[in-house]
Amino acid sequence: MNQKNNTGVLFINDRKRPERYDPDTTGKALVGGKEYYVSGWTKVPKNNDKSKRYQSLSFIPVQQNTQPGQPQPDVEDDLPF
């Protein structure tokens, strides 16, 4: 794929396992000329307002030889969006 700088793509993770904390979406991004794996988890704010769901993202440099979808710290903050 010929990706433009400062852009990325996310796809639904069709390999998500219910017994693990796998990401809901996965993809890649090119930021500042560096390629990253991107993982996204759909979150609900602490007040459980499902109409304000958001995506929490994790970026891992492709050069690190790590697998995308690693668990990330919990970021269940009430976000203003």
PDB file of N, CA and C in Angstrom:
ATOM      1  N   MET A   1       0.846  -1.172   0.000  1.00  0.00           N
ATOM      2  CA  MET A   1       0.000   0.000   0.000  1.00  0.00           C
ATOM      3  C   MET A   1       0.895   1.239   0.000  1.00  0.00           C
ATOM      4  N   ASN A   2       0.561   2.206  -0.826  1.00  0.00           N
ATOM      5  CA  ASN A   2       1.296   3.453  -0.891  1.00  0.00           C
ATOM      6  C   ASN A   2       0.574   4.475  -0.020  1.00  0.00           C
ATOM      7  N   GLN A   3       0.967   4.545   1.234  1.00  0.00           N
ATOM      8  CA  GLN A   3       0.275   5.387   2.207  1.00  0.00           C
ATOM      9  C   GLN A   3       0.892   6.774   2.261  1.00  0.00           C
ATOM     10  N   LYS A   4       0.042   7.786   2.385  1.00  0.00           N
ATOM     11  CA  LYS A   4       0.513   9.162   2.520  1.00  0.00           C
ATOM     12  C   LYS A   4       0.934   9.415   3.953  1.00  0.00           C
ATOM     13  N   ASN A   5       1.898  10.325   4.126  1.00  0.00           N
ATOM     14  CA  ASN A   5       2.387  10.679   5.455  1.00  0.00           C
ATOM     15  C   ASN A   5       1.264  11.273   6.300  1.00  0.00           C
ATOM     16  N   ASN A   6       1.279  10.965   7.587  1.00  0.00           N
ATOM     17  CA  ASN A   6       0.310  11.444   8.572  1.00  0.00           C
ATOM     18  C   ASN A   6      -1.107  10.950   8.301  1.00  0.00           C
ATOM     19  N   THR A   7      -1.215   9.727   7.790  1.00  0.00           N
ATOM     20  CA  THR A   7      -2.506   9.078   7.582  1.00  0.00           C
ATOM     21  C   THR A   7      -2.419   7.651   8.114  1.00  0.00           C
ATOM     22  N   GLY A   8      -3.571   7.049   8.303  1.00  0.00           N
ATOM     23  CA  GLY A   8      -3.616   5.670   8.759  1.00  0.00           C
ATOM     24  C   GLY A   8      -4.943   5.037   8.414  1.00  0.00           C
ATOM     25  N   VAL A   9      -5.016   3.718   8.624  1.00  0.00           N
ATOM     26  CA  VAL A   9      -6.238   2.969   8.372  1.00  0.00           C
ATOM     27  C   VAL A   9      -6.478   2.017   9.536  1.00  0.00           C
ATOM     28  N   LEU A  10      -7.742   1.799   9.859  1.00  0.00           N
ATOM     29  CA  LEU A  10      -8.145   0.830  10.871  1.00  0.00           C
ATOM     30  C   LEU A  10      -9.201  -0.083  10.266  1.00  0.00           C
ATOM     31  N   PHE A  11      -9.100  -1.360  10.584  1.00  0.00           N
ATOM     32  CA  PHE A  11     -10.052  -2.357  10.121  1.00  0.00           C
ATOM     33  C   PHE A  11     -10.625  -3.093  11.329  1.00  0.00           C
ATOM     34  N   ILE A  12     -11.852  -3.565  11.222  1.00  0.00           N
ATOM     35  CA  ILE A  12     -12.457  -4.370  12.275  1.00  0.00           C
ATOM     36  C   ILE A  12     -11.590  -5.616  12.471  1.00  0.00           C
ATOM     37  N   ASN A  13     -11.280  -5.948  13.721  1.00  0.00           N
ATOM     38  CA  ASN A  13     -10.464  -7.115  14.037  1.00  0.00           C
ATOM     39  C   ASN A  13     -11.361  -8.354  14.018  1.00  0.00           C
ATOM     40  N   ASP A  14     -11.326  -9.096  12.916  1.00  0.00           N
ATOM     41  CA  ASP A  14     -12.162 -10.289  12.807  1.00  0.00           C
ATOM     42  C   ASP A  14     -11.528 -11.506  13.486  1.00  0.00           C
ATOM     43  N   ARG A  15     -10.382 -11.315  14.125  1.00  0.00           N
ATOM     44  CA  ARG A  15      -9.715 -12.388  14.872  1.00  0.00           C
ATOM     45  C   ARG A  15      -9.764 -12.153  16.380  1.00  0.00           C
ATOM     46  N   LYS A  16     -10.607 -11.231  16.809  1.00  0.00           N
ATOM     47  CA  LYS A  16     -10.726 -10.902  18.231  1.00  0.00           C
ATOM     48  C   LYS A  16     -11.228 -12.125  18.997  1.00  0.00           C
ATOM     49  N   ARG A  17     -10.539 -12.429  20.091  1.00  0.00           N
ATOM     50  CA  ARG A  17     -10.911 -13.567  20.932  1.00  0.00           C
ATOM     51  C   ARG A  17     -11.584 -13.047  22.200  1.00  0.00           C
ATOM     52  N   PRO A  18     -12.762 -13.574  22.542  1.00  0.00           N
ATOM     53  CA  PRO A  18     -13.497 -13.056  23.701  1.00  0.00           C
ATOM     54  C   PRO A  18     -12.778 -13.266  25.030  1.00  0.00           C
ATOM     55  N   GLU A  19     -11.929 -14.254  25.130  1.00  0.00           N
ATOM     56  CA  GLU A  19     -11.246 -14.520  26.398  1.00  0.00           C
ATOM     57  C   GLU A  19     -10.005 -13.651  26.598  1.00  0.00           C
ATOM     58  N   ARG A  20      -9.669 -12.825  25.619  1.00  0.00           N
ATOM     59  CA  ARG A  20      -8.489 -11.958  25.723  1.00  0.00           C
ATOM     60  C   ARG A  20      -8.898 -10.507  25.509  1.00  0.00           C
ATOM     61  N   TYR A  21      -7.996  -9.618  25.838  1.00  0.00           N
ATOM     62  CA  TYR A  21      -8.257  -8.190  25.653  1.00  0.00           C
ATOM     63  C   TYR A  21      -7.701  -7.739  24.305  1.00  0.00           C
ATOM     64  N   ASP A  22      -8.146  -8.410  23.249  1.00  0.00           N
ATOM     65  CA  ASP A  22      -7.702  -8.069  21.903  1.00  0.00           C
ATOM     66  C   ASP A  22      -8.347  -6.758  21.464  1.00  0.00           C
ATOM     67  N   PRO A  23      -7.675  -6.031  20.564  1.00  0.00           N
ATOM     68  CA  PRO A  23      -8.259  -4.766  20.090  1.00  0.00           C
ATOM     69  C   PRO A  23      -9.483  -5.015  19.213  1.00  0.00           C
ATOM     70  N   ASP A  24     -10.367  -4.032  19.168  1.00  0.00           N
ATOM     71  CA  ASP A  24     -11.545  -4.098  18.311  1.00  0.00           C
ATOM     72  C   ASP A  24     -11.193  -3.771  16.865  1.00  0.00           C
ATOM     73  N   THR A  25     -10.178  -2.929  16.678  1.00  0.00           N
ATOM     74  CA  THR A  25      -9.722  -2.549  15.344  1.00  0.00           C
ATOM     75  C   THR A  25      -8.197  -2.619  15.292  1.00  0.00           C
ATOM     76  N   THR A  26      -7.653  -2.885  14.114  1.00  0.00           N
ATOM     77  CA  THR A  26      -6.206  -2.917  13.909  1.00  0.00           C
ATOM     78  C   THR A  26      -5.890  -2.304  12.554  1.00  0.00           C
ATOM     79  N   GLY A  27      -4.664  -1.833  12.405  1.00  0.00           N
ATOM     80  CA  GLY A  27      -4.251  -1.263  11.133  1.00  0.00           C
ATOM     81  C   GLY A  27      -2.843  -0.722  11.214  1.00  0.00           C
ATOM     82  N   LYS A  28      -2.534   0.183  10.303  1.00  0.00           N
ATOM     83  CA  LYS A  28      -1.210   0.816  10.250  1.00  0.00           C
ATOM     84  C   LYS A  28      -1.380   2.300   9.993  1.00  0.00           C
ATOM     85  N   ALA A  29      -0.357   3.060  10.403  1.00  0.00           N
ATOM     86  CA  ALA A  29      -0.324   4.501  10.160  1.00  0.00           C
ATOM     87  C   ALA A  29       1.100   4.898   9.798  1.00  0.00           C
ATOM     88  N   LEU A  30       1.228   5.952   9.020  1.00  0.00           N
ATOM     89  CA  LEU A  30       2.517   6.531   8.667  1.00  0.00           C
ATOM     90  C   LEU A  30       2.532   7.942   9.244  1.00  0.00           C
ATOM     91  N   VAL A  31       3.340   8.161  10.283  1.00  0.00           N
ATOM     92  CA  VAL A  31       3.383   9.445  10.976  1.00  0.00           C
ATOM     93  C   VAL A  31       4.821   9.936  11.003  1.00  0.00           C
ATOM     94  N   GLY A  32       5.052  11.116  10.463  1.00  0.00           N
ATOM     95  CA  GLY A  32       6.406  11.664  10.438  1.00  0.00           C
ATOM     96  C   GLY A  32       7.377  10.774   9.683  1.00  0.00           C
ATOM     97  N   GLY A  33       6.885  10.059   8.684  1.00  0.00           N
ATOM     98  CA  GLY A  33       7.735   9.177   7.889  1.00  0.00           C
ATOM     99  C   GLY A  33       8.019   7.832   8.545  1.00  0.00           C
ATOM    100  N   LYS A  34       7.470   7.563   9.741  1.00  0.00           N
ATOM    101  CA  LYS A  34       7.669   6.297  10.444  1.00  0.00           C
ATOM    102  C   LYS A  34       6.367   5.497  10.416  1.00  0.00           C
ATOM    103  N   GLU A  35       6.493   4.194  10.173  1.00  0.00           N
ATOM    104  CA  GLU A  35       5.335   3.320  10.113  1.00  0.00           C
ATOM    105  C   GLU A  35       5.025   2.737  11.493  1.00  0.00           C
ATOM    106  N   TYR A  36       3.726   2.719  11.839  1.00  0.00           N
ATOM    107  CA  TYR A  36       3.268   2.217  13.139  1.00  0.00           C
ATOM    108  C   TYR A  36       2.135   1.215  12.947  1.00  0.00           C
ATOM    109  N   TYR A  37       2.113   0.197  13.821  1.00  0.00           N
ATOM    110  CA  TYR A  37       0.919  -0.624  13.971  1.00  0.00           C
ATOM    111  C   TYR A  37      -0.032   0.182  14.843  1.00  0.00           C
ATOM    112  N   VAL A  38      -1.318   0.146  14.502  1.00  0.00           N
ATOM    113  CA  VAL A  38      -2.326   0.856  15.287  1.00  0.00           C
ATOM    114  C   VAL A  38      -3.350  -0.161  15.781  1.00  0.00           C
ATOM    115  N   SER A  39      -3.665  -0.098  17.057  1.00  0.00           N
ATOM    116  CA  SER A  39      -4.703  -0.940  17.642  1.00  0.00           C
ATOM    117  C   SER A  39      -5.713  -0.027  18.314  1.00  0.00           C
ATOM    118  N   GLY A  40      -6.997  -0.365  18.194  1.00  0.00           N
ATOM    119  CA  GLY A  40      -8.051   0.456  18.789  1.00  0.00           C
ATOM    120  C   GLY A  40      -9.023  -0.371  19.606  1.00  0.00           C
ATOM    121  N   TRP A  41      -9.399   0.166  20.749  1.00  0.00           N
ATOM    122  CA  TRP A  41     -10.379  -0.468  21.623  1.00  0.00           C
ATOM    123  C   TRP A  41     -11.560   0.472  21.757  1.00  0.00           C
ATOM    124  N   THR A  42     -12.767  -0.019  21.538  1.00  0.00           N
ATOM    125  CA  THR A  42     -13.966   0.782  21.722  1.00  0.00           C
ATOM    126  C   THR A  42     -14.279   0.830  23.208  1.00  0.00           C
ATOM    127  N   LYS A  43     -14.382   2.035  23.734  1.00  0.00           N
ATOM    128  CA  LYS A  43     -14.598   2.241  25.169  1.00  0.00           C
ATOM    129  C   LYS A  43     -15.912   2.976  25.403  1.00  0.00           C
ATOM    130  N   VAL A  44     -16.437   2.816  26.614  1.00  0.00           N
ATOM    131  CA  VAL A  44     -17.625   3.533  27.064  1.00  0.00           C
ATOM    132  C   VAL A  44     -17.201   4.354  28.281  1.00  0.00           C
ATOM    133  N   PRO A  45     -17.573   5.631  28.355  1.00  0.00           N
ATOM    134  CA  PRO A  45     -17.193   6.447  29.521  1.00  0.00           C
ATOM    135  C   PRO A  45     -17.683   5.819  30.824  1.00  0.00           C
ATOM    136  N   LYS A  46     -17.079   6.245  31.922  1.00  0.00           N
ATOM    137  CA  LYS A  46     -17.423   5.705  33.246  1.00  0.00           C
ATOM    138  C   LYS A  46     -18.899   5.876  33.584  1.00  0.00           C
ATOM    139  N   ASN A  47     -19.532   6.900  33.031  1.00  0.00           N
ATOM    140  CA  ASN A  47     -20.959   7.107  33.321  1.00  0.00           C
ATOM    141  C   ASN A  47     -21.850   6.177  32.491  1.00  0.00           C
ATOM    142  N   ASN A  48     -21.226   5.280  31.711  1.00  0.00           N
ATOM    143  CA  ASN A  48     -21.895   4.248  30.913  1.00  0.00           C
ATOM    144  C   ASN A  48     -22.825   4.813  29.840  1.00  0.00           C
ATOM    145  N   ASP A  49     -22.564   6.040  29.383  1.00  0.00           N
ATOM    146  CA  ASP A  49     -23.343   6.650  28.305  1.00  0.00           C
ATOM    147  C   ASP A  49     -22.847   6.076  26.977  1.00  0.00           C
ATOM    148  N   LYS A  50     -23.534   5.055  26.490  1.00  0.00           N
ATOM    149  CA  LYS A  50     -23.095   4.357  25.275  1.00  0.00           C
ATOM    150  C   LYS A  50     -23.149   5.231  24.030  1.00  0.00           C
ATOM    151  N   SER A  51     -23.878   6.343  24.098  1.00  0.00           N
ATOM    152  CA  SER A  51     -23.919   7.244  22.950  1.00  0.00           C
ATOM    153  C   SER A  51     -22.609   8.028  22.814  1.00  0.00           C
ATOM    154  N   LYS A  52     -21.740   7.955  23.837  1.00  0.00           N
ATOM    155  CA  LYS A  52     -20.467   8.685  23.806  1.00  0.00           C
ATOM    156  C   LYS A  52     -19.272   7.733  23.749  1.00  0.00           C
ATOM    157  N   ARG A  53     -19.470   6.583  23.099  1.00  0.00           N
ATOM    158  CA  ARG A  53     -18.361   5.642  22.933  1.00  0.00           C
ATOM    159  C   ARG A  53     -17.223   6.318  22.177  1.00  0.00           C
ATOM    160  N   TYR A  54     -16.017   5.858  22.438  1.00  0.00           N
ATOM    161  CA  TYR A  54     -14.838   6.418  21.776  1.00  0.00           C
ATOM    162  C   TYR A  54     -13.826   5.310  21.536  1.00  0.00           C
ATOM    163  N   GLN A  55     -12.822   5.606  20.737  1.00  0.00           N
ATOM    164  CA  GLN A  55     -11.748   4.665  20.445  1.00  0.00           C
ATOM    165  C   GLN A  55     -10.498   5.074  21.203  1.00  0.00           C
ATOM    166  N   SER A  56      -9.947   4.155  21.961  1.00  0.00           N
ATOM    167  CA  SER A  56      -8.666   4.337  22.626  1.00  0.00           C
ATOM    168  C   SER A  56      -7.628   3.667  21.729  1.00  0.00           C
ATOM    169  N   LEU A  57      -6.570   4.392  21.372  1.00  0.00           N
ATOM    170  CA  LEU A  57      -5.603   3.892  20.389  1.00  0.00           C
ATOM    171  C   LEU A  57      -4.240   3.614  20.993  1.00  0.00           C
ATOM    172  N   SER A  58      -3.541   2.659  20.404  1.00  0.00           N
ATOM    173  CA  SER A  58      -2.175   2.320  20.762  1.00  0.00           C
ATOM    174  C   SER A  58      -1.346   2.296  19.479  1.00  0.00           C
ATOM    175  N   PHE A  59      -0.153   2.900  19.522  1.00  0.00           N
ATOM    176  CA  PHE A  59       0.746   2.938  18.369  1.00  0.00           C
ATOM    177  C   PHE A  59       2.048   2.242  18.741  1.00  0.00           C
ATOM    178  N   ILE A  60       2.464   1.286  17.918  1.00  0.00           N
ATOM    179  CA  ILE A  60       3.717   0.565  18.143  1.00  0.00           C
ATOM    180  C   ILE A  60       4.549   0.691  16.866  1.00  0.00           C
ATOM    181  N   PRO A  61       5.783   1.218  16.954  1.00  0.00           N
ATOM    182  CA  PRO A  61       6.617   1.310  15.755  1.00  0.00           C
ATOM    183  C   PRO A  61       6.817  -0.063  15.118  1.00  0.00           C
ATOM    184  N   VAL A  62       6.681  -0.138  13.810  1.00  0.00           N
ATOM    185  CA  VAL A  62       6.837  -1.406  13.097  1.00  0.00           C
ATOM    186  C   VAL A  62       8.233  -1.977  13.310  1.00  0.00           C
ATOM    187  N   GLN A  63       9.261  -1.157  13.426  1.00  0.00           N
ATOM    188  CA  GLN A  63      10.634  -1.620  13.580  1.00  0.00           C
ATOM    189  C   GLN A  63      10.878  -2.350  14.891  1.00  0.00           C
ATOM    190  N   GLN A  64      10.014  -2.212  15.891  1.00  0.00           N
ATOM    191  CA  GLN A  64      10.238  -2.839  17.187  1.00  0.00           C
ATOM    192  C   GLN A  64      10.043  -4.349  17.158  1.00  0.00           C
ATOM    193  N   ASN A  65       9.527  -4.891  16.059  1.00  0.00           N
ATOM    194  CA  ASN A  65       9.265  -6.327  15.957  1.00  0.00           C
ATOM    195  C   ASN A  65       8.317  -6.818  17.039  1.00  0.00           C
ATOM    196  N   THR A  66       7.374  -6.004  17.440  1.00  0.00           N
ATOM    197  CA  THR A  66       6.398  -6.411  18.438  1.00  0.00           C
ATOM    198  C   THR A  66       5.076  -6.648  17.742  1.00  0.00           C
ATOM    199  N   GLN A  67       4.240  -7.396  18.376  1.00  0.00           N
ATOM    200  CA  GLN A  67       2.938  -7.710  17.798  1.00  0.00           C
ATOM    201  C   GLN A  67       1.949  -6.609  18.130  1.00  0.00           C
ATOM    202  N   PRO A  68       1.130  -6.198  17.151  1.00  0.00           N
ATOM    203  CA  PRO A  68       0.078  -5.242  17.455  1.00  0.00           C
ATOM    204  C   PRO A  68      -0.980  -5.891  18.336  1.00  0.00           C
ATOM    205  N   GLY A  69      -1.728  -5.073  19.043  1.00  0.00           N
ATOM    206  CA  GLY A  69      -2.805  -5.591  19.862  1.00  0.00           C
ATOM    207  C   GLY A  69      -2.389  -5.938  21.269  1.00  0.00           C
ATOM    208  N   GLN A  70      -1.220  -5.488  21.699  1.00  0.00           N
ATOM    209  CA  GLN A  70      -0.796  -5.725  23.070  1.00  0.00           C
ATOM    210  C   GLN A  70      -1.726  -4.961  23.998  1.00  0.00           C
ATOM    211  N   PRO A  71      -2.025  -5.516  25.174  1.00  0.00           N
ATOM    212  CA  PRO A  71      -2.875  -4.769  26.113  1.00  0.00           C
ATOM    213  C   PRO A  71      -2.263  -3.419  26.440  1.00  0.00           C
ATOM    214  N   GLN A  72      -3.102  -2.454  26.668  1.00  0.00           N
ATOM    215  CA  GLN A  72      -2.637  -1.117  26.976  1.00  0.00           C
ATOM    216  C   GLN A  72      -3.166  -0.696  28.329  1.00  0.00           C
ATOM    217  N   PRO A  73      -2.564   0.338  28.907  1.00  0.00           N
ATOM    218  CA  PRO A  73      -3.084   0.829  30.188  1.00  0.00           C
ATOM    219  C   PRO A  73      -4.531   1.267  30.047  1.00  0.00           C
ATOM    220  N   ASP A  74      -5.288   1.126  31.113  1.00  0.00           N
ATOM    221  CA  ASP A  74      -6.692   1.505  31.098  1.00  0.00           C
ATOM    222  C   ASP A  74      -6.811   3.019  31.056  1.00  0.00           C
ATOM    223  N   VAL A  75      -7.535   3.530  30.081  1.00  0.00           N
ATOM    224  CA  VAL A  75      -7.707   4.979  29.935  1.00  0.00           C
ATOM    225  C   VAL A  75      -9.197   5.322  29.962  1.00  0.00           C
ATOM    226  N   GLU A  76      -9.876   4.848  30.973  1.00  0.00           N
ATOM    227  CA  GLU A  76     -11.318   5.031  31.083  1.00  0.00           C
ATOM    228  C   GLU A  76     -11.715   6.416  31.580  1.00  0.00           C
ATOM    229  N   ASP A  77     -10.916   7.419  31.303  1.00  0.00           N
ATOM    230  CA  ASP A  77     -11.254   8.767  31.731  1.00  0.00           C
ATOM    231  C   ASP A  77     -12.515   9.246  31.025  1.00  0.00           C
ATOM    232  N   ASP A  78     -13.239  10.106  31.673  1.00  0.00           N
ATOM    233  CA  ASP A  78     -14.388  10.721  31.027  1.00  0.00           C
ATOM    234  C   ASP A  78     -13.855  11.776  30.062  1.00  0.00           C
ATOM    235  N   LEU A  79     -13.932  11.471  28.806  1.00  0.00           N
ATOM    236  CA  LEU A  79     -13.432  12.385  27.788  1.00  0.00           C
ATOM    237  C   LEU A  79     -14.558  13.318  27.342  1.00  0.00           C
ATOM    238  N   PRO A  80     -14.213  14.535  26.963  1.00  0.00           N
ATOM    239  CA  PRO A  80     -15.243  15.501  26.587  1.00  0.00           C
ATOM    240  C   PRO A  80     -15.843  15.259  25.216  1.00  0.00           C
ATOM    241  N   PHE A  81     -15.421  14.214  24.511  1.00  0.00           N
ATOM    242  CA  PHE A  81     -15.986  13.940  23.187  1.00  0.00           C
ATOM    243  C   PHE A  81     -16.444  12.529  23.082  1.00  0.00           C
TER     244      PHE A  81
END
